[in-house]
N, C-alpha and C. Protein backbone atom coordinates (compact mmCIF):
# COMPACT_ATOMS: atom_id res chain seq x y z
N MET A 1 -14.24 1.90 11.28
CA MET A 1 -12.69 1.64 10.79
C MET A 1 -12.56 1.59 12.30
N THR A 2 -11.71 0.27 12.43
CA THR A 2 -11.11 -0.09 13.66
C THR A 2 -9.73 0.59 13.84
N GLU A 3 -9.20 0.19 15.15
CA GLU A 3 -7.70 0.62 15.34
C GLU A 3 -6.91 -0.11 14.78
N LYS A 4 -7.25 -1.25 14.74
CA LYS A 4 -6.18 -2.53 14.28
C LYS A 4 -5.81 -2.02 12.56
N PHE A 5 -7.27 -1.81 11.91
CA PHE A 5 -6.81 -1.30 10.64
C PHE A 5 -6.24 0.30 10.54
N ARG A 6 -6.47 0.96 11.39
CA ARG A 6 -5.42 2.14 11.13
C ARG A 6 -4.45 2.07 11.49
N SER A 7 -3.96 1.10 12.44
CA SER A 7 -2.49 0.64 12.45
C SER A 7 -1.89 -0.02 11.17
N MET A 8 -2.53 -0.89 10.78
CA MET A 8 -2.13 -1.31 9.38
C MET A 8 -1.92 -0.26 8.48
N VAL A 9 -2.78 0.67 8.32
CA VAL A 9 -2.69 1.95 7.02
C VAL A 9 -1.55 2.55 7.41
N ILE A 10 -1.25 2.82 8.72
CA ILE A 10 -0.28 3.65 9.14
C ILE A 10 1.17 3.21 8.79
N HIS A 11 1.01 2.01 9.25
CA HIS A 11 2.61 1.02 8.87
C HIS A 11 2.69 0.83 7.41
N ALA A 12 1.92 0.65 6.58
CA ALA A 12 1.87 0.86 5.27
C ALA A 12 2.64 1.81 4.84
N VAL A 13 1.99 3.16 5.03
CA VAL A 13 1.82 4.31 4.35
C VAL A 13 3.63 4.83 4.71
N LYS A 14 3.90 4.55 6.16
CA LYS A 14 4.99 5.20 6.86
C LYS A 14 6.22 3.97 6.15
N SER A 15 6.20 2.91 5.79
CA SER A 15 6.63 2.03 5.24
C SER A 15 7.43 2.28 3.81
N VAL A 16 6.35 2.66 3.09
CA VAL A 16 6.79 3.09 1.66
C VAL A 16 7.53 4.48 1.67
N ILE A 17 6.98 5.33 2.41
CA ILE A 17 7.84 6.82 2.72
C ILE A 17 8.97 6.56 3.10
N ALA A 18 9.68 5.54 4.03
CA ALA A 18 10.96 5.47 4.28
C ALA A 18 11.61 4.77 3.49
N GLN A 19 10.70 4.16 2.68
CA GLN A 19 11.36 3.20 1.52
C GLN A 19 11.87 4.06 0.54
N GLY A 20 11.29 5.36 0.31
CA GLY A 20 11.65 6.10 -0.77
C GLY A 20 11.39 6.31 -2.36
N GLU A 21 10.77 4.88 -2.50
CA GLU A 21 10.77 4.66 -4.05
C GLU A 21 9.77 3.69 -3.96
N GLN A 22 9.16 3.99 -5.59
CA GLN A 22 8.46 2.77 -5.90
C GLN A 22 8.89 1.19 -5.84
N SER A 23 8.18 0.13 -5.65
CA SER A 23 8.57 -1.11 -5.75
C SER A 23 8.06 -1.75 -7.29
N ASN A 24 9.17 -1.98 -7.93
CA ASN A 24 8.87 -2.53 -9.36
C ASN A 24 9.40 -3.85 -9.45
N LEU A 25 8.60 -4.50 -10.20
CA LEU A 25 9.48 -6.07 -10.58
C LEU A 25 10.41 -5.97 -11.27
N PRO A 26 11.49 -6.76 -11.31
CA PRO A 26 12.84 -6.50 -11.89
C PRO A 26 12.53 -6.49 -13.41
N ASN A 27 13.33 -5.76 -13.82
CA ASN A 27 13.56 -5.24 -15.47
C ASN A 27 12.01 -4.94 -15.98
N SER A 28 11.33 -4.09 -14.98
CA SER A 28 10.00 -3.72 -15.33
C SER A 28 9.71 -2.25 -14.74
N ASP A 29 8.67 -1.84 -15.18
CA ASP A 29 8.09 -0.64 -14.55
C ASP A 29 6.73 -0.98 -13.94
N SER A 30 6.33 -2.15 -13.90
CA SER A 30 5.16 -2.63 -13.07
C SER A 30 5.32 -2.92 -11.63
N CYS A 31 4.40 -2.13 -10.89
CA CYS A 31 4.72 -2.11 -9.63
C CYS A 31 4.58 -3.56 -9.08
N ALA A 32 5.15 -3.82 -7.68
CA ALA A 32 5.12 -5.12 -7.02
C ALA A 32 5.05 -5.10 -5.52
N TYR A 33 4.40 -6.13 -5.12
CA TYR A 33 4.14 -6.62 -3.63
C TYR A 33 5.77 -6.56 -3.22
N ARG A 34 6.65 -7.30 -3.96
CA ARG A 34 7.91 -7.51 -3.65
C ARG A 34 8.79 -7.20 -4.64
N GLY A 35 9.66 -6.29 -4.76
CA GLY A 35 9.91 -5.74 -5.88
C GLY A 35 11.42 -5.96 -5.70
N GLU A 36 12.61 -5.16 -6.68
CA GLU A 36 13.58 -5.53 -6.53
C GLU A 36 14.69 -5.00 -5.11
N ASN A 37 15.68 -5.59 -4.70
CA ASN A 37 16.37 -5.14 -3.53
C ASN A 37 15.39 -4.79 -2.00
N GLY A 38 14.55 -6.20 -2.25
CA GLY A 38 13.55 -6.07 -1.08
C GLY A 38 12.58 -4.85 -0.53
N LYS A 39 12.54 -3.86 -1.58
CA LYS A 39 11.48 -3.08 -1.66
C LYS A 39 9.81 -3.59 -2.04
N LYS A 40 9.13 -3.11 -1.26
CA LYS A 40 7.58 -3.54 -1.38
C LYS A 40 6.75 -2.28 -1.59
N CYS A 41 5.68 -2.53 -2.16
CA CYS A 41 4.44 -1.52 -2.30
C CYS A 41 4.03 -1.35 -1.23
N ALA A 42 2.98 -0.39 -0.94
CA ALA A 42 2.13 0.08 0.30
C ALA A 42 1.27 -1.41 0.94
N VAL A 43 0.58 -1.94 -0.22
CA VAL A 43 0.02 -3.17 0.38
C VAL A 43 0.81 -4.28 0.60
N GLY A 44 2.16 -4.42 -0.09
CA GLY A 44 3.14 -5.51 0.00
C GLY A 44 3.61 -5.33 1.34
N HIS A 45 3.59 -4.12 2.02
CA HIS A 45 3.87 -4.09 3.32
C HIS A 45 3.31 -4.71 4.58
N LEU A 46 1.99 -4.93 4.08
CA LEU A 46 0.90 -5.71 4.99
C LEU A 46 0.85 -7.26 4.55
N ILE A 47 1.91 -7.76 3.76
CA ILE A 47 1.89 -9.29 3.27
C ILE A 47 2.69 -9.63 3.93
N SER A 48 2.92 -10.77 4.70
CA SER A 48 4.00 -11.42 5.50
C SER A 48 4.74 -12.27 4.37
N ASP A 49 5.91 -12.55 4.62
CA ASP A 49 6.65 -13.18 3.63
C ASP A 49 6.06 -14.99 3.58
N ALA A 50 5.31 -15.30 5.05
CA ALA A 50 4.84 -16.36 4.76
C ALA A 50 3.84 -16.63 3.55
N ALA A 51 2.81 -15.68 3.88
CA ALA A 51 1.54 -15.66 3.09
C ALA A 51 1.74 -14.97 1.78
N TYR A 52 3.30 -14.54 1.52
CA TYR A 52 3.54 -14.07 -0.07
C TYR A 52 3.79 -15.04 -0.85
N SER A 53 3.35 -15.17 -2.49
CA SER A 53 3.53 -15.82 -3.30
C SER A 53 3.77 -15.05 -4.76
N ALA A 54 4.57 -15.23 -5.38
CA ALA A 54 5.12 -14.51 -6.77
C ALA A 54 3.52 -14.57 -7.55
N HIS A 55 2.69 -15.39 -7.11
CA HIS A 55 1.28 -15.48 -7.76
C HIS A 55 0.45 -14.34 -7.77
N LEU A 56 0.59 -13.63 -6.43
CA LEU A 56 0.09 -12.37 -6.23
C LEU A 56 0.42 -10.91 -7.38
N GLU A 57 1.40 -11.52 -7.72
CA GLU A 57 2.12 -10.10 -8.74
C GLU A 57 0.93 -9.76 -9.66
N ASN A 58 1.13 -8.80 -10.24
CA ASN A 58 0.12 -8.38 -11.04
C ASN A 58 -1.39 -8.44 -10.70
N LYS A 59 -1.64 -8.57 -9.59
CA LYS A 59 -3.19 -8.84 -9.06
C LYS A 59 -3.20 -7.33 -8.02
N THR A 60 -4.46 -6.78 -8.05
CA THR A 60 -4.61 -5.87 -7.11
C THR A 60 -5.42 -6.59 -5.66
N ILE A 61 -5.29 -5.57 -5.02
CA ILE A 61 -6.26 -5.88 -3.89
C ILE A 61 -7.35 -6.34 -3.93
N ASN A 62 -8.21 -6.21 -5.00
CA ASN A 62 -9.62 -6.56 -5.52
C ASN A 62 -9.72 -8.19 -5.68
N ASN A 63 -8.36 -8.73 -5.86
CA ASN A 63 -8.36 -10.09 -5.98
C ASN A 63 -8.58 -10.86 -4.72
N GLU A 64 -9.27 -12.07 -4.82
CA GLU A 64 -9.61 -12.62 -3.44
C GLU A 64 -8.12 -13.24 -2.96
N GLN A 65 -7.41 -13.63 -3.49
CA GLN A 65 -6.02 -14.33 -3.32
C GLN A 65 -5.30 -12.95 -2.47
N VAL A 66 -5.04 -12.19 -2.87
CA VAL A 66 -4.30 -11.11 -2.11
C VAL A 66 -5.12 -10.47 -0.96
N ARG A 67 -6.30 -10.13 -0.66
CA ARG A 67 -7.22 -10.17 0.40
C ARG A 67 -6.84 -11.05 1.15
N LYS A 68 -6.96 -12.47 0.94
CA LYS A 68 -6.76 -13.34 1.85
C LYS A 68 -5.18 -13.31 2.51
N ALA A 69 -3.97 -13.04 1.69
CA ALA A 69 -2.64 -13.07 1.92
C ALA A 69 -2.65 -12.08 3.11
N ILE A 70 -3.18 -10.59 2.78
CA ILE A 70 -3.41 -9.78 4.01
C ILE A 70 -3.80 -9.96 5.38
N SER A 71 -4.96 -10.76 4.90
CA SER A 71 -5.86 -11.02 6.35
C SER A 71 -5.01 -11.99 6.92
N LEU A 72 -4.47 -13.21 6.61
CA LEU A 72 -3.46 -14.19 7.12
C LEU A 72 -2.44 -13.47 7.89
N SER A 73 -1.82 -12.71 6.98
CA SER A 73 -0.79 -11.76 7.57
C SER A 73 -0.87 -11.23 8.80
N GLN A 74 -2.13 -10.71 8.77
CA GLN A 74 -2.20 -9.56 9.85
C GLN A 74 -3.31 -9.78 10.83
N GLU A 75 -3.76 -11.16 10.48
CA GLU A 75 -4.90 -11.83 11.76
C GLU A 75 -5.88 -10.85 11.64
N TYR A 76 -6.32 -10.32 10.58
CA TYR A 76 -7.74 -9.63 10.62
C TYR A 76 -8.59 -9.42 9.20
N PRO A 77 -9.70 -9.86 9.58
CA PRO A 77 -10.75 -9.99 8.17
C PRO A 77 -10.96 -8.45 7.59
N LEU A 78 -10.41 -8.31 6.52
CA LEU A 78 -10.78 -6.91 5.92
C LEU A 78 -12.36 -6.59 5.53
N SER A 79 -12.93 -5.70 5.97
CA SER A 79 -14.01 -5.41 5.32
C SER A 79 -14.01 -5.01 3.76
N GLU A 80 -15.12 -4.76 3.77
CA GLU A 80 -15.18 -4.31 1.95
C GLU A 80 -14.58 -2.82 1.84
N GLY A 81 -14.98 -2.10 2.78
CA GLY A 81 -14.71 -0.52 3.04
C GLY A 81 -13.13 -0.47 3.16
N GLU A 82 -12.57 -1.13 3.84
CA GLU A 82 -11.03 -1.11 4.07
C GLU A 82 -10.33 -1.86 3.03
N ALA A 83 -11.11 -2.68 2.45
CA ALA A 83 -10.30 -3.32 1.26
C ALA A 83 -10.17 -2.09 0.25
N ASN A 84 -11.48 -1.31 0.06
CA ASN A 84 -11.07 -0.13 -0.83
C ASN A 84 -10.53 0.86 -0.58
N ILE A 85 -10.01 1.10 0.79
CA ILE A 85 -9.14 2.15 1.47
C ILE A 85 -7.72 1.82 0.65
N LEU A 86 -7.33 0.52 0.95
CA LEU A 86 -6.10 -0.03 0.57
C LEU A 86 -6.07 -0.12 -1.03
N ALA A 87 -7.31 0.08 -1.57
CA ALA A 87 -7.26 -0.09 -3.17
C ALA A 87 -6.88 1.40 -3.58
N GLN A 88 -7.13 2.55 -2.65
CA GLN A 88 -6.59 3.75 -3.13
C GLN A 88 -5.22 4.12 -3.04
N ILE A 89 -5.01 3.59 -1.67
CA ILE A 89 -3.42 3.68 -1.22
C ILE A 89 -2.41 2.98 -2.52
N GLN A 90 -3.05 1.81 -2.79
CA GLN A 90 -2.47 0.89 -3.84
C GLN A 90 -2.48 1.84 -5.11
N CYS A 91 -3.06 2.51 -5.40
CA CYS A 91 -3.34 3.38 -6.61
C CYS A 91 -2.29 4.64 -6.25
N ALA A 92 -2.21 5.05 -5.06
CA ALA A 92 -1.49 6.09 -4.97
C ALA A 92 0.12 5.82 -5.11
N HIS A 93 0.40 4.60 -4.80
CA HIS A 93 1.69 3.88 -4.92
C HIS A 93 2.15 3.64 -6.09
N ASP A 94 1.04 3.29 -6.62
CA ASP A 94 1.35 2.61 -8.42
C ASP A 94 1.53 3.86 -9.32
N TYR A 95 0.89 4.95 -9.09
CA TYR A 95 0.92 5.74 -9.96
C TYR A 95 1.57 7.34 -9.70
N THR A 96 2.54 7.11 -8.86
CA THR A 96 3.44 8.12 -8.60
C THR A 96 4.54 8.65 -9.60
N ASP A 97 4.94 7.62 -10.67
CA ASP A 97 5.61 7.62 -11.63
C ASP A 97 5.07 8.52 -12.68
N ARG A 98 4.10 9.08 -12.77
CA ARG A 98 3.16 9.66 -13.67
C ARG A 98 3.33 11.08 -13.28
N TYR A 99 3.92 11.62 -12.44
CA TYR A 99 4.01 12.92 -11.61
C TYR A 99 5.61 13.11 -11.87
N SER A 100 5.70 14.48 -12.07
CA SER A 100 7.09 15.11 -12.28
C SER A 100 7.58 15.64 -11.10
N MET A 101 7.59 14.79 -9.88
CA MET A 101 8.08 15.41 -8.62
C MET A 101 8.77 14.12 -7.78
N PRO A 102 9.53 14.21 -6.59
CA PRO A 102 9.94 13.09 -5.95
C PRO A 102 9.05 12.16 -5.50
N PHE A 103 9.59 11.15 -5.58
CA PHE A 103 8.34 10.01 -4.93
C PHE A 103 7.63 10.12 -4.04
N VAL A 104 8.15 10.37 -2.70
CA VAL A 104 7.42 10.80 -1.49
C VAL A 104 6.44 11.93 -1.39
N LYS A 105 6.98 13.04 -2.11
CA LYS A 105 5.74 13.92 -2.43
C LYS A 105 4.83 14.00 -3.35
N ALA A 106 4.92 12.84 -4.56
CA ALA A 106 3.94 12.75 -5.18
C ALA A 106 2.97 11.48 -4.76
N PHE A 107 3.37 10.64 -3.80
CA PHE A 107 2.86 9.47 -2.99
C PHE A 107 1.71 10.27 -2.18
N LYS A 108 2.36 11.27 -1.24
CA LYS A 108 1.63 12.11 -0.29
C LYS A 108 0.58 12.67 -1.00
N PHE A 109 0.82 13.55 -2.03
CA PHE A 109 -0.11 14.13 -2.98
C PHE A 109 -1.14 13.39 -3.68
N LEU A 110 -0.97 11.85 -3.86
CA LEU A 110 -1.79 11.07 -4.52
C LEU A 110 -2.70 10.49 -3.34
N LEU A 111 -2.28 10.22 -2.26
CA LEU A 111 -2.75 9.89 -0.90
C LEU A 111 -3.86 10.86 -0.88
N GLN A 112 -3.76 12.15 -0.80
CA GLN A 112 -4.92 13.33 -0.27
C GLN A 112 -5.65 13.31 -1.30
N LYS A 113 -5.22 12.85 -2.58
CA LYS A 113 -6.33 12.94 -4.11
C LYS A 113 -7.19 12.15 -3.67
N TYR A 114 -6.61 10.72 -3.27
CA TYR A 114 -7.68 9.64 -3.53
C TYR A 114 -8.20 9.01 -2.19
N LEU A 115 -7.62 9.26 -1.19
CA LEU A 115 -8.33 8.56 0.16
C LEU A 115 -9.58 9.36 0.50
N PRO A 116 -10.60 8.98 0.97
CA PRO A 116 -11.53 9.55 1.46
C PRO A 116 -11.37 10.51 2.44
N ALA A 117 -11.87 11.63 2.61
CA ALA A 117 -11.23 12.71 3.63
C ALA A 117 -11.27 12.09 5.09
N GLU A 118 -11.84 11.74 5.70
CA GLU A 118 -12.04 11.23 6.79
C GLU A 118 -10.77 10.19 7.30
N VAL A 119 -10.16 9.49 6.26
CA VAL A 119 -9.35 9.04 6.40
C VAL A 119 -8.04 9.69 6.32
N TRP A 120 -8.06 10.80 5.55
CA TRP A 120 -6.73 11.57 5.22
C TRP A 120 -6.48 12.36 6.41
N THR A 121 -7.78 12.77 7.35
CA THR A 121 -8.04 13.47 8.44
C THR A 121 -6.98 12.70 9.75
N TRP A 122 -6.87 11.64 9.85
CA TRP A 122 -6.60 10.80 10.85
C TRP A 122 -4.79 10.39 10.13
N LEU A 123 -4.77 10.23 9.07
CA LEU A 123 -3.47 9.60 8.42
C LEU A 123 -2.60 10.77 8.41
N GLU A 124 -3.07 12.38 8.02
CA GLU A 124 -1.79 12.88 7.73
C GLU A 124 -1.17 13.32 8.96
N PRO A 125 -1.77 13.69 10.00
CA PRO A 125 -0.76 14.08 11.31
C PRO A 125 0.23 12.89 11.54
N GLU A 126 0.09 11.39 11.19
CA GLU A 126 0.90 10.41 11.56
C GLU A 126 2.13 10.33 10.28
N LEU A 127 1.95 10.90 9.25
CA LEU A 127 2.93 11.44 8.56
C LEU A 127 3.97 12.61 8.60
N LYS A 128 3.65 13.18 9.72
CA LYS A 128 4.30 14.28 9.93
C LYS A 128 5.35 13.80 11.13
N SER A 129 5.01 12.85 11.92
CA SER A 129 6.24 12.22 12.89
C SER A 129 7.11 11.56 12.51
């Protein structure tokens, strides 16, 4: 895992935590790369406005168009393993509403649950700063 990818993950996760709530499509409970009031999901924070298209909505990181949008935005080709880590972060964001706890607490809980231990080990200290 490269330093560039770690930086991308830290940016995405911290941006969602600062946002403080889930990003949803207008008039829907469906999660969104670009939601109401400028909110973005974790993966959405890695997609530039220039690379974003509404056609990406309702597709996961496993979709080639979504991966391409991230790679273009970040000027970084994702490996399969890195895409899998982003998929886990995407799940953590998308499933926070299934827990009866505040969004940020649920998001951190799910990150710890879904992410491989070696990723959580370097990410957790970043979330305390």
